[in-house]
N, C-alpha and C. Protein backbone atom coordinates (compact mmCIF):
# COMPACT_ATOMS: atom_id res chain seq x y z
N MET A 1 153.75 47.96 111.39
CA MET A 1 153.48 47.68 109.96
C MET A 1 154.73 48.53 109.22
N ARG A 2 155.51 47.31 108.34
CA ARG A 2 156.26 48.17 107.24
C ARG A 2 155.46 49.70 106.64
N LEU A 3 157.16 50.44 106.91
CA LEU A 3 156.12 51.65 106.20
C LEU A 3 155.77 51.80 104.84
N ASP A 4 156.77 51.01 104.22
CA ASP A 4 155.82 51.05 102.74
C ASP A 4 154.77 50.60 102.41
N LYS A 5 154.30 49.52 103.00
CA LYS A 5 152.76 48.98 103.07
C LYS A 5 151.93 49.91 103.56
N PHE A 6 152.32 50.57 104.79
CA PHE A 6 151.78 51.60 105.49
C PHE A 6 151.29 52.52 104.47
N LEU A 7 152.27 52.94 103.72
CA LEU A 7 151.96 54.42 102.82
C LEU A 7 150.85 53.76 101.35
N SER A 8 151.33 52.62 101.22
CA SER A 8 150.76 52.24 99.84
C SER A 8 148.94 52.15 99.91
N GLN A 9 148.76 51.70 102.04
CA GLN A 9 147.64 51.44 101.78
C GLN A 9 146.88 53.14 102.14
N GLN A 10 147.72 54.26 102.80
CA GLN A 10 146.87 55.27 103.19
C GLN A 10 146.74 56.39 101.76
N LEU A 11 147.73 55.64 100.78
CA LEU A 11 147.74 56.78 99.30
C LEU A 11 147.29 56.05 98.51
N GLU A 12 146.97 54.73 98.66
CA GLU A 12 145.98 53.79 97.42
C GLU A 12 146.73 53.86 96.16
N ILE A 13 148.35 53.20 96.56
CA ILE A 13 149.21 53.38 95.97
C ILE A 13 149.85 52.09 95.66
N SER A 14 150.66 51.63 94.44
CA SER A 14 151.73 50.58 94.92
C SER A 14 152.25 50.34 95.69
N ARG A 15 153.01 49.15 96.16
CA ARG A 15 154.18 49.14 96.87
C ARG A 15 155.19 49.84 96.36
N ALA A 16 155.66 49.49 95.04
CA ALA A 16 156.72 50.10 94.20
C ALA A 16 156.66 51.72 94.53
N ILE A 17 155.50 52.09 94.20
CA ILE A 17 155.39 53.55 93.97
C ILE A 17 155.86 54.01 95.18
N ALA A 18 155.30 53.31 96.15
CA ALA A 18 155.63 53.97 97.99
C ALA A 18 157.07 53.70 98.33
N ALA A 19 157.88 52.68 97.81
CA ALA A 19 158.86 52.72 98.30
C ALA A 19 160.22 53.66 97.33
N ARG A 20 159.43 54.07 95.99
CA ARG A 20 160.10 55.13 95.28
C ARG A 20 159.72 56.42 95.92
N GLU A 21 158.60 56.43 96.57
CA GLU A 21 158.25 57.92 97.43
C GLU A 21 159.22 58.14 98.95
N ILE A 22 159.30 57.23 99.26
CA ILE A 22 160.09 56.58 100.61
C ILE A 22 161.32 57.10 100.31
N ARG A 23 162.23 56.43 98.98
CA ARG A 23 163.62 56.76 98.91
C ARG A 23 163.86 58.19 98.60
N ALA A 24 162.62 58.75 97.82
CA ALA A 24 162.95 59.95 97.75
C ALA A 24 163.21 61.31 98.84
N ARG A 25 162.83 60.80 99.87
CA ARG A 25 163.17 61.18 100.95
C ARG A 25 161.86 62.41 101.22
N LYS A 26 160.58 61.83 100.67
CA LYS A 26 159.23 62.65 101.00
C LYS A 26 158.56 62.24 102.19
N VAL A 27 159.16 61.15 102.76
CA VAL A 27 158.20 60.55 104.20
C VAL A 27 159.13 60.98 105.36
N THR A 28 158.08 61.25 106.72
CA THR A 28 159.05 61.24 107.83
C THR A 28 158.08 60.30 108.68
N VAL A 29 158.91 60.48 109.77
CA VAL A 29 158.64 59.29 110.70
C VAL A 29 158.79 60.16 112.34
N ASP A 30 157.91 60.33 112.86
CA ASP A 30 158.44 61.22 114.36
C ASP A 30 159.21 62.29 113.82
N GLY A 31 158.91 63.08 112.65
CA GLY A 31 160.15 64.32 112.73
C GLY A 31 161.09 63.76 111.68
N GLU A 32 161.79 62.98 111.78
CA GLU A 32 162.81 62.53 110.73
C GLU A 32 162.67 62.14 109.39
N VAL A 33 163.33 62.10 108.43
CA VAL A 33 163.18 61.53 107.33
C VAL A 33 163.66 59.91 107.57
N VAL A 34 162.85 58.97 106.95
CA VAL A 34 163.44 57.81 107.07
C VAL A 34 163.03 57.14 105.24
N ARG A 35 164.31 56.86 104.96
CA ARG A 35 163.95 56.24 103.41
C ARG A 35 164.28 54.60 103.22
N ASP A 36 164.25 54.30 104.62
CA ASP A 36 164.15 52.49 105.07
C ASP A 36 162.46 52.34 104.89
N THR A 37 162.52 51.16 103.33
CA THR A 37 161.24 50.97 103.05
C THR A 37 160.37 50.10 103.92
N ALA A 38 161.46 49.03 104.45
CA ALA A 38 160.81 48.39 105.64
C ALA A 38 160.86 48.46 107.24
N PHE A 39 161.24 50.04 106.98
CA PHE A 39 161.17 50.68 108.77
C PHE A 39 159.91 50.16 109.13
N LYS A 40 159.80 49.61 110.67
CA LYS A 40 158.67 49.39 111.19
C LYS A 40 157.88 50.55 112.19
N LEU A 41 156.73 50.42 111.75
CA LEU A 41 156.04 51.72 112.46
C LEU A 41 155.33 51.03 113.61
N THR A 42 155.29 51.71 114.64
CA THR A 42 154.48 51.73 116.09
C THR A 42 152.91 52.49 115.71
N ALA A 43 152.23 51.99 117.05
CA ALA A 43 150.89 52.44 117.20
C ALA A 43 151.07 53.89 116.96
N ASP A 44 152.23 54.49 118.14
CA ASP A 44 152.54 56.15 118.50
C ASP A 44 153.23 56.56 117.45
N SER A 45 153.46 56.13 116.31
CA SER A 45 154.28 56.44 115.02
C SER A 45 153.57 57.84 114.36
N GLU A 46 154.15 59.12 114.34
CA GLU A 46 153.61 59.86 113.54
C GLU A 46 154.28 60.06 112.07
N VAL A 47 153.52 60.02 111.06
CA VAL A 47 154.02 59.70 109.97
C VAL A 47 153.23 61.02 108.86
N GLU A 48 154.57 61.67 108.09
CA GLU A 48 153.88 62.36 107.24
C GLU A 48 154.36 62.13 105.94
N TYR A 49 153.65 62.67 104.52
CA TYR A 49 153.91 62.51 103.61
C TYR A 49 154.30 63.92 102.76
N ASP A 50 155.00 64.50 102.71
CA ASP A 50 155.10 65.52 101.58
C ASP A 50 154.49 66.63 102.66
N GLY A 51 154.86 66.55 103.85
CA GLY A 51 154.64 67.57 105.29
C GLY A 51 153.26 67.42 105.44
N ASN A 52 152.41 66.57 104.90
CA ASN A 52 150.92 66.33 105.32
C ASN A 52 150.81 64.97 106.62
N PRO A 53 150.14 64.89 107.51
CA PRO A 53 150.31 64.01 108.24
C PRO A 53 149.22 62.86 107.83
N LEU A 54 149.42 61.28 107.86
CA LEU A 54 148.77 60.47 107.65
C LEU A 54 148.28 59.92 109.22
N ALA A 55 147.23 59.61 109.14
CA ALA A 55 146.64 58.75 109.98
C ALA A 55 147.14 57.39 110.63
N MET A 56 147.88 57.40 111.63
CA MET A 56 147.48 55.50 111.91
C MET A 56 146.41 54.95 111.97
N GLN A 57 145.84 54.00 111.63
CA GLN A 57 144.93 53.24 111.87
C GLN A 57 144.71 52.23 112.65
N LEU A 58 144.51 52.34 113.99
CA LEU A 58 144.46 51.72 115.01
C LEU A 58 143.31 50.66 115.49
N GLY A 59 143.10 49.11 115.21
CA GLY A 59 142.32 48.42 114.93
C GLY A 59 141.10 48.70 114.53
N PRO A 60 140.16 47.89 114.33
CA PRO A 60 138.74 47.83 113.65
C PRO A 60 138.15 48.90 114.08
N ARG A 61 137.19 49.55 113.01
CA ARG A 61 136.66 50.88 113.27
C ARG A 61 134.82 50.87 112.85
N TYR A 62 134.04 51.22 113.79
CA TYR A 62 132.55 51.34 113.76
C TYR A 62 132.14 52.35 113.80
N TYR A 63 131.02 52.60 112.94
CA TYR A 63 130.12 53.92 112.57
C TYR A 63 129.05 53.66 112.56
N MET A 64 128.12 54.68 113.16
CA MET A 64 126.86 54.84 112.36
C MET A 64 126.77 55.84 111.44
N LEU A 65 125.80 55.68 110.56
CA LEU A 65 125.97 56.60 109.31
C LEU A 65 123.89 56.96 109.16
N ASN A 66 123.46 58.25 108.99
CA ASN A 66 122.52 58.36 108.29
C ASN A 66 122.38 58.40 107.25
N LYS A 67 121.81 56.96 106.68
CA LYS A 67 121.47 57.33 105.03
C LYS A 67 120.75 58.10 104.58
N PRO A 68 120.81 58.30 103.59
CA PRO A 68 119.97 59.50 102.49
C PRO A 68 119.48 58.61 101.56
N VAL A 69 118.16 58.97 101.06
CA VAL A 69 117.82 58.36 99.81
C VAL A 69 118.82 58.61 98.40
N GLY A 70 118.62 57.83 97.51
CA GLY A 70 119.59 57.67 96.51
C GLY A 70 120.86 56.96 96.52
N TYR A 71 121.27 56.62 97.72
CA TYR A 71 122.71 55.97 97.54
C TYR A 71 122.28 54.17 97.88
N VAL A 72 123.25 53.65 97.92
CA VAL A 72 123.60 52.26 98.08
C VAL A 72 124.67 51.92 98.81
N CYS A 73 123.97 50.91 99.64
CA CYS A 73 125.37 50.32 100.57
C CYS A 73 126.22 49.45 100.21
N SER A 74 126.41 49.04 99.05
CA SER A 74 127.52 48.25 98.55
C SER A 74 128.87 49.42 98.34
N THR A 75 129.56 48.48 98.52
CA THR A 75 130.85 49.43 98.35
C THR A 75 131.57 49.64 97.60
N ASP A 76 131.11 49.35 96.11
CA ASP A 76 131.53 49.75 94.80
C ASP A 76 130.24 49.28 93.11
N ASP A 77 129.66 50.27 93.10
CA ASP A 77 128.69 50.03 92.30
C ASP A 77 128.72 51.12 90.69
N PRO A 78 128.54 50.53 89.77
CA PRO A 78 128.81 51.50 88.58
C PRO A 78 127.76 52.54 87.94
N ASN A 79 126.63 52.47 88.87
CA ASN A 79 125.61 53.21 88.42
C ASN A 79 124.93 54.16 89.44
N HIS A 80 125.36 53.94 90.95
CA HIS A 80 124.86 54.49 91.91
C HIS A 80 125.86 55.29 92.97
N GLN A 81 126.15 56.34 93.10
CA GLN A 81 126.70 56.66 94.41
C GLN A 81 126.68 56.00 95.58
N THR A 82 127.63 55.45 96.48
CA THR A 82 127.73 54.47 97.62
C THR A 82 128.05 55.37 98.98
N VAL A 83 127.27 54.53 99.45
CA VAL A 83 127.09 55.19 101.25
C VAL A 83 129.09 55.87 101.73
N LEU A 84 129.85 55.05 100.99
CA LEU A 84 131.36 55.44 101.50
C LEU A 84 131.65 56.66 100.95
N TYR A 85 130.80 57.68 99.94
CA TYR A 85 130.60 58.73 99.90
C TYR A 85 130.97 59.94 101.05
N PHE A 86 130.47 59.49 101.99
CA PHE A 86 129.84 60.26 103.14
C PHE A 86 131.19 60.10 104.22
N LEU A 87 131.71 59.32 104.12
CA LEU A 87 132.76 58.61 105.48
C LEU A 87 133.84 59.36 104.51
N ALA A 88 134.81 60.29 105.37
CA ALA A 88 136.10 61.14 105.39
C ALA A 88 136.76 60.36 106.34
N GLU A 89 137.06 58.88 105.71
CA GLU A 89 138.26 58.51 106.84
C GLU A 89 139.39 58.02 105.82
N PRO A 90 140.26 57.60 106.38
CA PRO A 90 141.60 56.75 105.53
C PRO A 90 141.21 55.88 105.37
N MET A 91 141.39 55.00 104.39
CA MET A 91 140.99 54.11 103.41
C MET A 91 139.61 53.26 103.80
N ALA A 92 138.70 54.44 103.52
CA ALA A 92 137.31 53.98 103.80
C ALA A 92 136.68 53.14 102.73
N TYR A 93 137.71 53.00 101.74
CA TYR A 93 136.85 51.91 100.75
C TYR A 93 136.94 50.13 101.50
N LYS A 94 137.85 50.28 102.60
CA LYS A 94 137.43 48.93 103.39
C LYS A 94 136.54 48.76 104.48
N LEU A 95 135.72 49.78 104.71
CA LEU A 95 134.55 49.94 105.43
C LEU A 95 133.28 49.12 104.09
N HIS A 96 132.77 48.43 105.18
CA HIS A 96 131.63 48.25 104.68
C HIS A 96 130.11 47.90 105.39
N ALA A 97 128.72 47.95 104.94
CA ALA A 97 127.87 47.96 105.79
C ALA A 97 127.80 46.70 106.54
N ALA A 98 127.21 46.46 107.72
CA ALA A 98 126.51 45.71 108.82
C ALA A 98 124.91 45.32 108.33
N GLY A 99 124.64 45.20 106.97
CA GLY A 99 123.32 45.12 106.91
C GLY A 99 122.71 46.25 105.95
N ARG A 100 122.15 46.10 104.86
CA ARG A 100 122.65 46.84 104.21
C ARG A 100 120.59 47.53 103.67
N LEU A 101 120.40 49.03 103.31
CA LEU A 101 119.38 49.25 102.85
C LEU A 101 119.19 49.86 101.50
N ASP A 102 117.83 49.50 100.65
CA ASP A 102 118.00 49.58 99.71
C ASP A 102 117.53 51.18 99.52
N ILE A 103 118.01 51.74 97.92
CA ILE A 103 118.88 52.81 97.55
C ILE A 103 117.45 53.58 98.22
N ASP A 104 116.22 53.63 98.28
CA ASP A 104 115.18 54.25 98.19
C ASP A 104 115.20 54.40 99.85
N THR A 105 115.83 53.58 100.96
CA THR A 105 115.17 53.43 102.57
C THR A 105 116.50 54.45 102.89
N THR A 106 116.21 54.95 103.96
CA THR A 106 116.93 56.15 104.82
C THR A 106 117.18 55.06 106.16
N GLY A 107 117.84 55.82 106.55
CA GLY A 107 118.16 55.71 108.15
C GLY A 107 119.67 54.96 108.59
N LEU A 108 119.55 54.20 110.00
CA LEU A 108 121.01 53.83 110.02
C LEU A 108 121.42 52.22 109.53
N VAL A 109 122.58 52.97 109.46
CA VAL A 109 123.52 52.04 108.54
C VAL A 109 124.83 51.67 109.59
N LEU A 110 125.32 50.53 110.15
CA LEU A 110 126.27 50.15 110.85
C LEU A 110 127.76 50.34 109.56
N MET A 111 128.77 51.13 109.39
CA MET A 111 130.16 50.73 108.92
C MET A 111 131.18 50.30 109.76
N THR A 112 131.38 48.94 109.28
CA THR A 112 132.67 48.33 109.66
C THR A 112 134.12 47.96 108.71
N ASP A 113 135.39 47.70 109.52
CA ASP A 113 136.15 46.83 108.46
C ASP A 113 136.08 45.63 109.76
N ASP A 114 135.14 45.16 110.40
CA ASP A 114 135.60 44.32 111.37
C ASP A 114 134.64 43.16 110.70
N GLY A 115 134.55 42.30 109.78
CA GLY A 115 133.98 41.24 109.56
C GLY A 115 133.11 40.29 110.44
N GLN A 116 133.90 39.78 111.82
CA GLN A 116 133.33 38.89 112.83
C GLN A 116 132.29 39.68 113.05
N TRP A 117 132.55 40.98 113.46
CA TRP A 117 131.10 41.95 114.33
C TRP A 117 130.02 42.16 113.16
N SER A 118 130.60 42.82 112.04
CA SER A 118 129.27 42.44 110.99
C SER A 118 128.40 41.33 110.94
N HIS A 119 129.10 40.07 111.02
CA HIS A 119 128.49 38.87 111.00
C HIS A 119 127.65 38.45 111.89
N ARG A 120 128.01 39.01 113.39
CA ARG A 120 127.07 39.03 114.29
C ARG A 120 125.60 39.66 114.31
N ILE A 121 125.76 40.56 113.45
CA ILE A 121 124.73 41.07 113.32
C ILE A 121 123.73 40.69 111.67
N THR A 122 124.33 40.36 110.95
CA THR A 122 123.76 39.78 109.90
C THR A 122 123.34 38.24 109.75
N SER A 123 124.01 37.86 110.77
CA SER A 123 123.71 36.44 110.42
C SER A 123 122.16 35.94 111.06
N PRO A 124 121.48 35.06 110.19
CA PRO A 124 119.80 34.78 110.33
C PRO A 124 119.62 33.91 111.62
N ARG A 125 120.74 33.49 112.03
CA ARG A 125 121.05 32.47 113.37
C ARG A 125 120.67 33.55 114.48
N ARG A 126 121.22 34.75 114.21
CA ARG A 126 121.41 35.97 115.54
C ARG A 126 120.13 36.33 115.83
N HIS A 127 119.40 36.32 114.78
CA HIS A 127 117.86 37.15 114.64
C HIS A 127 118.05 38.68 115.72
N CYS A 128 119.50 39.39 115.10
CA CYS A 128 119.16 40.68 115.44
C CYS A 128 117.68 41.67 115.03
N GLU A 129 117.65 42.10 115.95
CA GLU A 129 116.20 43.32 115.77
C GLU A 129 116.60 44.47 114.84
N LYS A 130 115.57 44.41 114.40
CA LYS A 130 115.78 45.87 113.38
C LYS A 130 114.36 46.68 113.74
N THR A 131 114.27 48.04 113.65
CA THR A 131 113.23 48.86 114.07
C THR A 131 113.42 49.76 112.58
N TYR A 132 111.65 49.92 112.05
CA TYR A 132 111.84 51.12 111.13
C TYR A 132 110.27 51.79 111.26
N LEU A 133 110.72 53.05 110.60
CA LEU A 133 109.27 53.91 110.76
C LEU A 133 108.74 53.21 109.20
N VAL A 134 107.34 53.30 109.14
CA VAL A 134 107.24 53.01 107.52
C VAL A 134 106.05 53.94 107.65
N THR A 135 106.25 54.76 106.54
CA THR A 135 104.83 55.10 105.78
C THR A 135 104.03 54.53 105.09
N LEU A 136 102.62 54.48 104.92
CA LEU A 136 102.15 53.86 104.15
C LEU A 136 101.20 54.67 102.83
N GLU A 137 100.92 53.80 101.80
CA GLU A 137 99.85 54.57 101.14
C GLU A 137 98.60 54.57 101.49
N HIS A 138 97.87 53.55 102.17
CA HIS A 138 96.29 53.27 102.93
C HIS A 138 96.74 53.11 104.11
N PRO A 139 95.95 53.65 105.01
CA PRO A 139 95.71 53.53 106.42
C PRO A 139 95.80 51.79 106.88
N VAL A 140 96.50 51.58 108.09
CA VAL A 140 96.93 50.70 108.60
C VAL A 140 95.47 50.25 108.77
N SER A 141 95.35 48.47 108.36
CA SER A 141 93.88 47.81 108.77
C SER A 141 94.36 47.32 110.60
N ALA A 142 93.27 47.18 110.91
CA ALA A 142 92.93 47.17 112.31
C ALA A 142 93.58 46.01 112.73
N ASP A 143 93.70 44.81 111.50
CA ASP A 143 94.21 43.44 112.13
C ASP A 143 95.77 43.33 111.58
N THR A 144 96.56 44.55 110.86
CA THR A 144 97.59 44.41 110.35
C THR A 144 98.54 43.52 111.62
N ALA A 145 98.58 44.05 112.64
CA ALA A 145 99.69 43.83 114.10
C ALA A 145 99.37 42.12 114.18
N ALA A 146 98.19 41.94 114.59
CA ALA A 146 97.77 40.46 114.72
C ALA A 146 98.28 39.50 113.68
N GLN A 147 98.26 39.85 112.57
CA GLN A 147 99.20 39.34 111.15
C GLN A 147 100.45 39.18 111.15
N PHE A 148 100.71 39.91 111.43
CA PHE A 148 102.50 40.37 111.59
C PHE A 148 102.35 39.29 112.86
N ALA A 149 102.15 39.61 113.93
CA ALA A 149 102.76 38.86 115.30
C ALA A 149 102.24 37.21 114.89
N ALA A 150 102.11 36.95 114.00
CA ALA A 150 101.68 35.39 113.42
C ALA A 150 102.40 35.02 112.87
N GLY A 151 102.68 35.86 111.69
CA GLY A 151 103.56 35.90 110.35
C GLY A 151 102.43 35.98 109.55
N VAL A 152 103.18 36.43 108.28
CA VAL A 152 102.93 36.48 107.43
C VAL A 152 103.24 35.56 106.12
N GLN A 153 102.48 34.96 104.54
CA GLN A 153 103.25 34.31 103.79
C GLN A 153 103.77 35.75 102.33
N LEU A 154 104.86 35.46 102.23
CA LEU A 154 105.40 36.49 101.25
C LEU A 154 105.43 35.71 100.09
N HIS A 155 105.18 36.42 99.19
CA HIS A 155 105.30 35.39 97.76
C HIS A 155 106.76 35.25 97.28
N ASN A 156 106.31 33.91 97.00
CA ASN A 156 107.69 32.85 96.32
C ASN A 156 108.78 32.62 97.85
N GLU A 157 107.85 32.64 98.65
CA GLU A 157 108.32 32.00 100.10
C GLU A 157 107.52 30.47 100.85
N LYS A 158 108.41 29.88 101.12
CA LYS A 158 107.63 28.53 101.57
C LYS A 158 107.86 28.71 103.06
N SER A 159 108.05 29.49 103.78
CA SER A 159 107.77 29.61 105.30
C SER A 159 106.75 31.30 105.74
N LEU A 160 106.59 31.09 107.01
CA LEU A 160 105.90 32.40 107.31
C LEU A 160 107.27 33.17 107.94
N THR A 161 107.00 34.29 107.91
CA THR A 161 107.74 35.52 108.56
C THR A 161 107.67 35.31 110.05
N LYS A 162 109.14 35.56 110.57
CA LYS A 162 108.72 35.54 112.23
C LYS A 162 108.14 36.25 112.73
N PRO A 163 107.48 36.28 113.94
CA PRO A 163 106.55 37.34 114.87
C PRO A 163 107.16 38.25 114.64
N ALA A 164 106.36 39.46 114.11
CA ALA A 164 106.94 41.11 114.10
C ALA A 164 106.22 41.23 114.92
N THR A 165 106.71 42.39 115.21
CA THR A 165 106.17 43.84 116.51
C THR A 165 105.31 44.89 115.58
N LEU A 166 104.37 45.51 115.59
CA LEU A 166 103.98 46.09 114.75
C LEU A 166 103.23 47.66 115.81
N GLU A 167 103.49 48.91 115.51
CA GLU A 167 103.40 49.75 116.70
C GLU A 167 102.56 51.14 115.60
N VAL A 168 101.66 51.21 115.95
CA VAL A 168 101.01 52.39 115.32
C VAL A 168 101.10 53.50 115.70
N VAL A 169 101.56 54.26 114.68
CA VAL A 169 102.24 55.74 115.22
C VAL A 169 100.67 56.68 114.64
N SER A 170 100.48 56.76 113.54
CA SER A 170 99.17 57.16 113.06
C SER A 170 98.64 56.61 112.10
N GLU A 171 97.59 57.44 111.10
CA GLU A 171 96.96 56.34 110.07
C GLU A 171 97.70 55.34 109.10
N GLN A 172 98.61 56.23 108.80
CA GLN A 172 99.24 56.02 107.78
C GLN A 172 101.15 55.77 107.60
N GLN A 173 101.29 55.94 109.08
CA GLN A 173 102.71 55.54 109.59
C GLN A 173 102.72 54.51 110.79
N VAL A 174 103.49 53.77 110.70
CA VAL A 174 103.60 52.57 111.97
C VAL A 174 104.99 52.78 112.56
N ARG A 175 105.51 51.54 113.40
CA ARG A 175 106.72 51.38 113.86
C ARG A 175 106.64 49.95 113.31
N LEU A 176 107.79 49.28 112.76
CA LEU A 176 107.66 48.04 113.04
C LEU A 176 109.21 47.36 113.00
N THR A 177 108.98 46.21 113.73
CA THR A 177 110.34 45.26 114.35
C THR A 177 110.29 44.02 114.10
N ILE A 178 111.45 43.82 112.86
CA ILE A 178 111.77 42.44 112.92
C ILE A 178 112.63 41.74 113.13
N SER A 179 112.82 40.26 113.07
CA SER A 179 114.41 39.96 113.66
C SER A 179 114.97 38.97 112.40
N GLU A 180 114.71 39.21 111.10
CA GLU A 180 114.85 38.62 109.39
C GLU A 180 115.60 39.71 109.19
N GLY A 181 115.88 38.81 107.68
CA GLY A 181 116.73 40.38 106.78
C GLY A 181 116.53 39.40 105.77
N ARG A 182 114.92 38.94 105.25
CA ARG A 182 114.62 38.39 103.92
C ARG A 182 114.70 39.93 102.88
N TYR A 183 115.04 39.61 101.96
CA TYR A 183 114.79 40.46 100.63
C TYR A 183 113.95 40.81 100.84
N HIS A 184 113.90 42.64 100.49
CA HIS A 184 112.81 43.42 100.61
C HIS A 184 111.60 43.04 101.76
N GLN A 185 112.32 42.69 103.20
CA GLN A 185 111.09 42.24 103.78
C GLN A 185 110.06 43.03 103.83
N VAL A 186 110.29 44.00 104.53
CA VAL A 186 109.22 45.12 105.35
C VAL A 186 107.98 45.84 103.68
N LYS A 187 108.95 45.67 103.18
CA LYS A 187 107.79 45.98 101.84
C LYS A 187 106.97 44.74 101.63
N ARG A 188 107.62 43.81 101.39
CA ARG A 188 106.90 42.68 101.08
C ARG A 188 105.82 42.34 101.89
N MET A 189 106.07 42.22 103.22
CA MET A 189 105.41 42.28 104.40
C MET A 189 103.40 42.95 104.38
N PHE A 190 104.17 43.92 104.11
CA PHE A 190 102.96 45.15 103.85
C PHE A 190 102.45 44.97 102.34
N ALA A 191 102.49 44.10 101.38
CA ALA A 191 102.42 43.67 100.53
C ALA A 191 101.50 42.91 100.23
N ALA A 192 102.17 41.78 101.29
CA ALA A 192 101.09 40.48 101.59
C ALA A 192 99.94 40.98 102.08
N VAL A 193 99.56 42.14 103.10
CA VAL A 193 98.55 42.15 103.29
C VAL A 193 97.30 43.59 102.87
N GLY A 194 98.28 43.71 101.71
CA GLY A 194 97.29 44.57 100.89
C GLY A 194 97.30 46.21 101.06
N ASN A 195 98.77 46.58 101.32
CA ASN A 195 99.29 47.87 101.46
C ASN A 195 100.03 48.01 100.84
N HIS A 196 100.83 49.59 100.07
CA HIS A 196 101.94 49.64 100.02
C HIS A 196 102.88 50.61 100.97
N VAL A 197 104.23 50.33 100.83
CA VAL A 197 105.34 51.36 101.69
C VAL A 197 105.37 52.28 100.74
N VAL A 198 105.84 53.70 101.01
CA VAL A 198 105.77 54.71 100.38
C VAL A 198 107.06 55.01 100.79
N ALA A 199 107.39 55.32 102.27
CA ALA A 199 108.89 55.80 102.66
C ALA A 199 109.12 54.59 103.90
N LEU A 200 110.34 54.27 103.85
CA LEU A 200 111.10 53.39 104.70
C LEU A 200 112.30 54.19 106.12
N HIS A 201 112.37 53.96 106.64
CA HIS A 201 113.15 54.86 107.32
C HIS A 201 113.95 53.56 108.67
N ARG A 202 114.89 53.36 108.57
CA ARG A 202 115.69 52.35 109.82
C ARG A 202 115.70 53.20 111.15
N GLU A 203 115.56 53.07 112.33
CA GLU A 203 115.73 53.33 113.33
C GLU A 203 116.56 53.22 114.27
N ARG A 204 116.80 51.58 114.02
CA ARG A 204 117.39 50.49 115.18
C ARG A 204 117.77 49.72 114.86
N ILE A 205 119.28 49.12 115.26
CA ILE A 205 119.51 47.46 115.18
C ILE A 205 119.94 47.18 116.36
N GLY A 206 119.67 45.98 116.95
CA GLY A 206 119.71 45.63 117.80
C GLY A 206 119.57 46.57 118.93
N ALA A 207 120.62 46.99 120.22
CA ALA A 207 120.55 47.88 120.94
C ALA A 207 120.87 49.12 120.17
N VAL A 208 121.74 49.26 119.01
CA VAL A 208 121.79 50.56 118.49
C VAL A 208 120.46 51.54 118.22
N THR A 209 120.28 52.87 118.40
CA THR A 209 119.56 53.32 118.34
C THR A 209 120.24 54.77 116.95
N LEU A 210 119.48 55.04 116.09
CA LEU A 210 120.05 56.16 114.82
C LEU A 210 119.87 57.66 115.86
N ASP A 211 120.77 58.38 116.19
CA ASP A 211 121.41 59.20 116.41
C ASP A 211 120.46 60.61 116.06
N ASP A 212 119.49 61.05 116.89
CA ASP A 212 119.01 61.98 116.57
C ASP A 212 119.40 63.32 115.78
N ASP A 213 120.52 63.74 116.24
CA ASP A 213 121.77 64.39 116.43
C ASP A 213 122.37 64.35 114.73
N LEU A 214 122.07 63.34 113.60
CA LEU A 214 122.91 63.08 112.81
C LEU A 214 122.04 63.38 111.54
N ALA A 215 121.90 64.25 110.67
CA ALA A 215 121.17 64.97 109.81
C ALA A 215 121.79 63.57 108.43
N PRO A 216 120.83 63.77 107.36
CA PRO A 216 121.10 62.54 106.39
C PRO A 216 122.51 63.08 105.90
N GLY A 217 123.35 62.15 105.80
CA GLY A 217 124.23 61.54 105.29
C GLY A 217 125.81 62.25 106.40
N GLU A 218 125.42 62.42 107.44
CA GLU A 218 125.98 62.54 108.67
C GLU A 218 126.39 61.23 109.26
N TYR A 219 127.63 60.92 110.12
CA TYR A 219 127.64 59.81 111.01
C TYR A 219 128.99 60.37 111.64
N ARG A 220 129.03 59.42 112.84
CA ARG A 220 129.78 59.03 113.85
C ARG A 220 130.28 57.85 114.51
N GLU A 221 131.51 58.01 115.45
CA GLU A 221 131.99 56.95 116.06
C GLU A 221 130.62 56.07 116.90
N LEU A 222 130.60 54.83 116.49
CA LEU A 222 129.98 53.70 117.65
C LEU A 222 130.77 54.01 119.40
N THR A 223 130.04 54.41 120.34
CA THR A 223 130.68 53.90 121.54
C THR A 223 131.16 52.86 122.16
N GLU A 224 131.54 52.32 122.96
CA GLU A 224 132.05 51.15 123.52
C GLU A 224 131.03 50.33 123.52
N GLU A 225 130.38 51.15 124.47
CA GLU A 225 128.91 50.23 125.05
C GLU A 225 128.31 49.57 123.47
N GLU A 226 128.05 50.51 122.64
CA GLU A 226 127.16 49.99 121.52
C GLU A 226 127.81 49.04 120.66
N ILE A 227 129.28 49.23 121.08
CA ILE A 227 129.89 48.24 119.73
C ILE A 227 129.99 46.74 120.58
N ASN A 228 130.00 46.76 121.92
CA ASN A 228 129.79 46.14 122.75
C ASN A 228 128.73 45.22 122.66
N SER A 229 128.01 46.03 122.37
CA SER A 229 126.07 45.04 122.47
C SER A 229 126.06 43.86 121.87
N PHE A 230 126.87 43.94 120.08
CA PHE A 230 126.52 42.79 119.67
C PHE A 230 127.72 41.96 120.17
């Protein structure tokens, strides 16, 4: 990558300003001042700006985040803080959520800058399973598991939901696994059977389960195995 392009991305400045900073002798590569804006960086280059190291970005990035209540999964929102707030990474604005959660829903969000990878998770044709811990306003009815396994009719939808698996955790808490991503699906499924979701927490996407060690707002890189599971 050209040095001026790299500096522009890292500092979120224009290429023209990056070039000016380079010519002003503010940038070093491997300890040497470089004034050539077209200087070609390699994966092993060590770049510093005003004495501060800039991390080289090697390939696509993959993270799991434990999303707290009150944040949206879009990368830009004029009214609410986004999950990018928690990601202390270079060029975090280039990351996006592979499967969003509502502002009042917590739990597992996968963040990446690999569009093809996220498409494999979110594409309806992939039927990627997602598991949620659901807290309900009323005790779960005895026939809810059978209704969800058969598919339920959502309001303003033409087709039944695909078979879903319900595990009862307690009288008013269940674990639900679905393989679709319809709008507000979990909340609407329980509304269709006469109940109301009080709290919703995503625990799993595909083979990737939220790390118990991650407190709300914390994140970590995905392992090679987790990345390749999709």
